[in-house]
Amino acid sequence: MQSEEAQVVVEVWSDLGCPWCYVGKHRLQAAIAQRPDEARFEIAMRSFELDPGAPREPEKNEKSFIRAHGGTAADVLRAERRMQVIAREEGLEFSPDRLNANTFDLHRVVQFANDQGRGFEFFSDVQNGFFAGALDPHAPGVLAGVAEAVGLDGQRVREILAGDEYANRVRADRTEGLELGATGVPFVVFGRRVAAPGAQEVPVYGRLLERVAGPVPSERVS
């Protein structure tokens, strides 16, 4: 029987409405799942607002894109169609009919979920539902419901959303990400040793896992 190996923390700086974060997250999970020692790896969510000045009131995806990036409605349509193809090739749902808004409050809840050991699970469920067009992440009741589904206190989430708890930690995460070299998201740091900007392919994430944790261990046959 192999001796227990040291845990490896994989930190993921991400934002809700970033489609490449959505794709990259699933590729990272796939790379970890390919290893028989996948239990060694802990994914830790880190907050990174791509658009801190985004309005708090939800706006159509097209308006949000043009406000943040410029361009025209045709540009938005091309970008969305491209991402939809990529996502579906990964086996992911992708609805262009999304409403975007400021994500600061969501990140505050993620920080709370991190404290309870449910940060990645909570964020992942919210993001999956958002891109599938099945969930409104800007509604406090919806976030409380997702929180309860992953074992968190929904009432506590409502209290956090009604106040300003965890605000400093959200800002500190973004600052730290920038200091580590992030110019956008996704930005993944493996064991505080190597970093990967952007949504890498599964084999690339696999090689980075090897760099910090060693080759994939061979399973012994009894």
Protein backbone atom coordinates (compact mmCIF):
# COMPACT_ATOMS: atom_id res chain seq x y z
CA MET A 1 0.00 0.00 0.00
CA GLN A 2 1.37 3.41 -0.96
CA SER A 3 2.10 5.89 1.80
CA GLU A 4 -0.15 8.91 1.96
CA GLU A 5 1.24 11.80 -0.08
CA ALA A 6 1.18 15.44 0.96
CA GLN A 7 -1.82 17.50 -0.04
CA VAL A 8 -1.45 19.97 -2.90
CA VAL A 9 -3.52 23.16 -2.96
CA VAL A 10 -4.50 24.37 -6.41
CA GLU A 11 -5.66 27.99 -6.22
CA VAL A 12 -8.03 29.26 -8.89
CA TRP A 13 -8.56 32.98 -9.40
CA SER A 14 -11.83 33.27 -11.29
CA ASP A 15 -14.93 35.35 -11.95
CA LEU A 16 -18.48 34.20 -12.47
CA GLY A 17 -19.27 35.52 -15.93
CA CYS A 18 -15.95 34.62 -17.54
CA PRO A 19 -16.66 31.86 -20.08
CA TRP A 20 -13.01 30.81 -20.24
CA CYS A 21 -13.09 30.39 -16.45
CA TYR A 22 -16.07 28.09 -16.90
CA VAL A 23 -14.26 25.97 -19.47
CA GLY A 24 -10.90 26.08 -17.69
CA LYS A 25 -12.41 24.96 -14.40
CA HIS A 26 -13.79 21.81 -15.97
CA ARG A 27 -10.51 21.08 -17.75
CA LEU A 28 -8.64 21.42 -14.46
CA GLN A 29 -11.09 19.06 -12.78
CA ALA A 30 -10.65 16.58 -15.62
CA ALA A 31 -6.86 16.69 -15.27
CA ILE A 32 -7.07 16.03 -11.55
CA ALA A 33 -9.62 13.25 -12.03
CA GLN A 34 -7.21 11.42 -14.35
CA ARG A 35 -4.83 10.85 -11.46
CA PRO A 36 -5.41 7.90 -9.10
CA ASP A 37 -4.18 10.18 -6.30
CA GLU A 38 -6.78 12.86 -7.10
CA ALA A 39 -7.77 13.08 -3.44
CA ARG A 40 -4.42 14.79 -2.79
CA PHE A 41 -5.53 17.91 -4.63
CA GLU A 42 -7.63 20.62 -3.05
CA ILE A 43 -9.04 23.33 -5.31
CA ALA A 44 -9.23 26.66 -3.48
CA MET A 45 -11.33 29.44 -4.97
CA ARG A 46 -9.85 32.92 -5.05
CA SER A 47 -11.77 36.06 -5.95
CA PHE A 48 -10.95 38.19 -8.98
CA GLU A 49 -13.48 40.69 -10.31
CA LEU A 50 -12.88 41.24 -14.00
CA ASP A 51 -15.12 44.30 -14.06
CA PRO A 52 -15.25 45.93 -10.61
CA GLY A 53 -17.18 48.86 -12.09
CA ALA A 54 -20.00 46.71 -13.45
CA PRO A 55 -23.49 47.85 -12.41
CA ARG A 56 -25.28 46.02 -9.63
CA GLU A 57 -28.49 45.84 -11.64
CA PRO A 58 -28.41 42.91 -14.10
CA GLU A 59 -28.01 43.82 -17.75
CA LYS A 60 -28.25 41.76 -20.92
CA ASN A 61 -25.11 39.92 -21.92
CA GLU A 62 -24.79 41.93 -25.14
CA LYS A 63 -24.89 45.27 -23.30
CA SER A 64 -22.44 44.05 -20.68
CA PHE A 65 -19.95 42.84 -23.30
CA ILE A 66 -20.03 46.05 -25.31
CA ARG A 67 -19.74 48.22 -22.20
CA ALA A 68 -16.67 46.28 -21.01
CA HIS A 69 -14.97 45.48 -24.31
CA GLY A 70 -16.44 47.75 -26.96
CA GLY A 71 -17.45 46.45 -30.37
CA THR A 72 -20.86 45.76 -31.81
CA ALA A 73 -23.73 43.35 -31.36
CA ALA A 74 -22.28 41.31 -34.22
CA ASP A 75 -19.00 40.99 -32.34
CA VAL A 76 -20.86 39.74 -29.28
CA LEU A 77 -22.76 37.18 -31.33
CA ARG A 78 -19.56 35.84 -32.91
CA ALA A 79 -17.84 35.58 -29.53
CA GLU A 80 -20.82 33.83 -27.95
CA ARG A 81 -21.16 31.34 -30.80
CA ARG A 82 -17.46 30.53 -30.58
CA MET A 83 -17.66 29.96 -26.84
CA GLN A 84 -20.81 27.90 -27.21
CA VAL A 85 -19.04 25.54 -29.61
CA ILE A 86 -16.02 25.24 -27.31
CA ALA A 87 -18.16 24.63 -24.25
CA ARG A 88 -20.29 22.01 -25.95
CA GLU A 89 -17.17 20.21 -27.16
CA GLU A 90 -16.26 19.97 -23.46
CA GLY A 91 -19.70 18.53 -22.70
CA LEU A 92 -20.87 21.75 -21.05
CA GLU A 93 -24.13 23.60 -21.39
CA PHE A 94 -23.83 27.17 -22.64
CA SER A 95 -26.70 29.62 -22.98
CA PRO A 96 -26.08 33.02 -24.63
CA ASP A 97 -29.20 34.32 -22.87
CA ARG A 98 -27.52 35.47 -19.65
CA LEU A 99 -27.83 38.53 -17.44
CA ASN A 100 -24.60 39.97 -16.07
CA ALA A 101 -24.07 42.22 -13.08
CA ASN A 102 -21.44 43.18 -10.51
CA THR A 103 -20.03 40.02 -8.90
CA PHE A 104 -18.57 41.54 -5.72
CA ASP A 105 -21.37 40.23 -3.48
CA LEU A 106 -21.09 36.74 -4.94
CA HIS A 107 -17.38 36.74 -4.17
CA ARG A 108 -18.14 37.72 -0.58
CA VAL A 109 -20.28 34.60 -0.27
CA VAL A 110 -17.52 32.52 -1.87
CA GLN A 111 -15.18 33.73 0.86
CA PHE A 112 -17.67 32.57 3.48
CA ALA A 113 -18.02 29.23 1.69
CA ASN A 114 -14.22 28.89 1.65
CA ASP A 115 -14.22 29.17 5.43
CA GLN A 116 -16.62 26.25 5.56
CA GLY A 117 -14.62 24.14 3.11
CA ARG A 118 -17.26 24.53 0.38
CA GLY A 119 -15.91 27.41 -1.69
CA PHE A 120 -15.14 25.55 -4.89
CA GLU A 121 -18.31 23.47 -4.72
CA PHE A 122 -20.48 26.53 -4.14
CA PHE A 123 -18.86 28.66 -6.85
CA SER A 124 -18.87 25.78 -9.33
CA ASP A 125 -22.58 25.08 -8.85
CA VAL A 126 -23.44 28.76 -9.26
CA GLN A 127 -21.32 29.12 -12.37
CA ASN A 128 -22.61 25.92 -13.95
CA GLY A 129 -26.21 27.02 -13.45
CA PHE A 130 -25.45 30.51 -14.71
CA PHE A 131 -23.93 29.38 -18.00
CA ALA A 132 -26.65 26.79 -18.48
CA GLY A 133 -29.19 29.60 -18.25
CA ALA A 134 -30.87 27.82 -15.33
CA LEU A 135 -29.91 30.08 -12.43
CA ASP A 136 -29.99 33.78 -11.55
CA PRO A 137 -26.81 34.39 -9.52
CA HIS A 138 -27.84 37.96 -8.73
CA ALA A 139 -30.81 36.96 -6.59
CA PRO A 140 -30.00 36.52 -2.88
CA GLY A 141 -32.60 33.78 -2.50
CA VAL A 142 -31.04 31.81 -5.34
CA LEU A 143 -27.56 32.04 -3.84
CA ALA A 144 -28.94 31.01 -0.46
CA GLY A 145 -30.56 27.99 -2.11
CA VAL A 146 -27.34 26.92 -3.81
CA ALA A 147 -25.52 27.38 -0.50
CA GLU A 148 -27.98 25.11 1.28
CA ALA A 149 -27.63 22.50 -1.47
CA VAL A 150 -23.88 22.25 -0.75
CA GLY A 151 -24.35 22.12 3.00
CA LEU A 152 -24.08 25.78 3.97
CA ASP A 153 -26.41 27.91 6.08
CA GLY A 154 -28.73 29.72 3.68
CA GLN A 155 -29.81 32.25 6.29
CA ARG A 156 -26.18 33.10 6.98
CA VAL A 157 -25.71 33.75 3.26
CA ARG A 158 -28.66 36.14 3.26
CA GLU A 159 -27.12 38.00 6.20
CA ILE A 160 -23.80 38.32 4.40
CA LEU A 161 -25.46 39.62 1.24
CA ALA A 162 -27.36 42.22 3.28
CA GLY A 163 -24.13 43.60 4.78
CA ASP A 164 -20.50 44.03 3.80
CA GLU A 165 -18.74 41.08 5.43
CA TYR A 166 -15.72 39.61 3.61
CA ALA A 167 -15.34 42.70 1.41
CA ASN A 168 -11.71 43.20 2.39
CA ARG A 169 -10.88 39.59 1.61
CA VAL A 170 -12.38 39.86 -1.87
CA ARG A 171 -10.24 42.91 -2.58
CA ALA A 172 -7.16 41.29 -1.05
CA ASP A 173 -7.57 38.21 -3.27
CA ARG A 174 -7.61 40.34 -6.41
CA THR A 175 -4.57 42.29 -5.28
CA GLU A 176 -2.67 39.10 -4.51
CA GLY A 177 -3.57 37.61 -7.87
CA LEU A 178 -2.19 40.68 -9.63
CA GLU A 179 0.99 40.49 -7.54
CA LEU A 180 1.45 36.86 -8.58
CA GLY A 181 1.20 37.80 -12.25
CA ALA A 182 -2.48 37.53 -13.13
CA THR A 183 -3.54 39.88 -15.88
CA GLY A 184 -6.95 38.25 -16.17
CA VAL A 185 -8.70 35.02 -15.31
CA PRO A 186 -8.68 32.09 -15.07
CA PHE A 187 -5.35 32.15 -13.27
CA VAL A 188 -4.32 28.90 -11.59
CA VAL A 189 -1.48 28.49 -9.11
CA PHE A 190 -0.27 24.99 -8.27
CA GLY A 191 1.18 24.53 -4.80
CA ARG A 192 2.50 28.09 -4.90
CA ARG A 193 5.18 26.84 -7.28
CA VAL A 194 3.92 27.27 -10.82
CA ALA A 195 1.13 29.31 -12.40
CA ALA A 196 -1.02 28.91 -15.49
CA PRO A 197 -2.76 31.94 -17.00
CA GLY A 198 -5.80 31.32 -19.18
CA ALA A 199 -7.84 28.18 -19.78
CA GLN A 200 -5.26 25.52 -20.58
CA GLU A 201 -5.95 22.18 -22.23
CA VAL A 202 -6.32 19.12 -19.98
CA PRO A 203 -2.85 17.72 -20.85
CA VAL A 204 -1.21 21.05 -19.93
CA TYR A 205 -2.90 21.06 -16.55
CA GLY A 206 -1.83 17.45 -16.17
CA ARG A 207 1.82 18.32 -16.75
CA LEU A 208 1.62 21.15 -14.23
CA LEU A 209 0.15 18.78 -11.67
CA GLU A 210 3.11 16.48 -12.29
CA ARG A 211 5.53 19.34 -11.73
CA VAL A 212 4.22 20.00 -8.24
CA ALA A 213 3.13 16.51 -7.21
CA GLY A 214 5.26 14.12 -9.23
CA PRO A 215 4.27 11.68 -11.98
CA VAL A 216 0.93 9.94 -11.91
CA PRO A 217 1.47 7.06 -9.48
CA SER A 218 0.99 3.58 -10.87
CA GLU A 219 -1.76 1.63 -9.16
CA ARG A 220 -0.69 -1.67 -7.73
CA VAL A 221 -2.56 -4.79 -8.65
CA SER A 222 -3.27 -7.09 -5.74
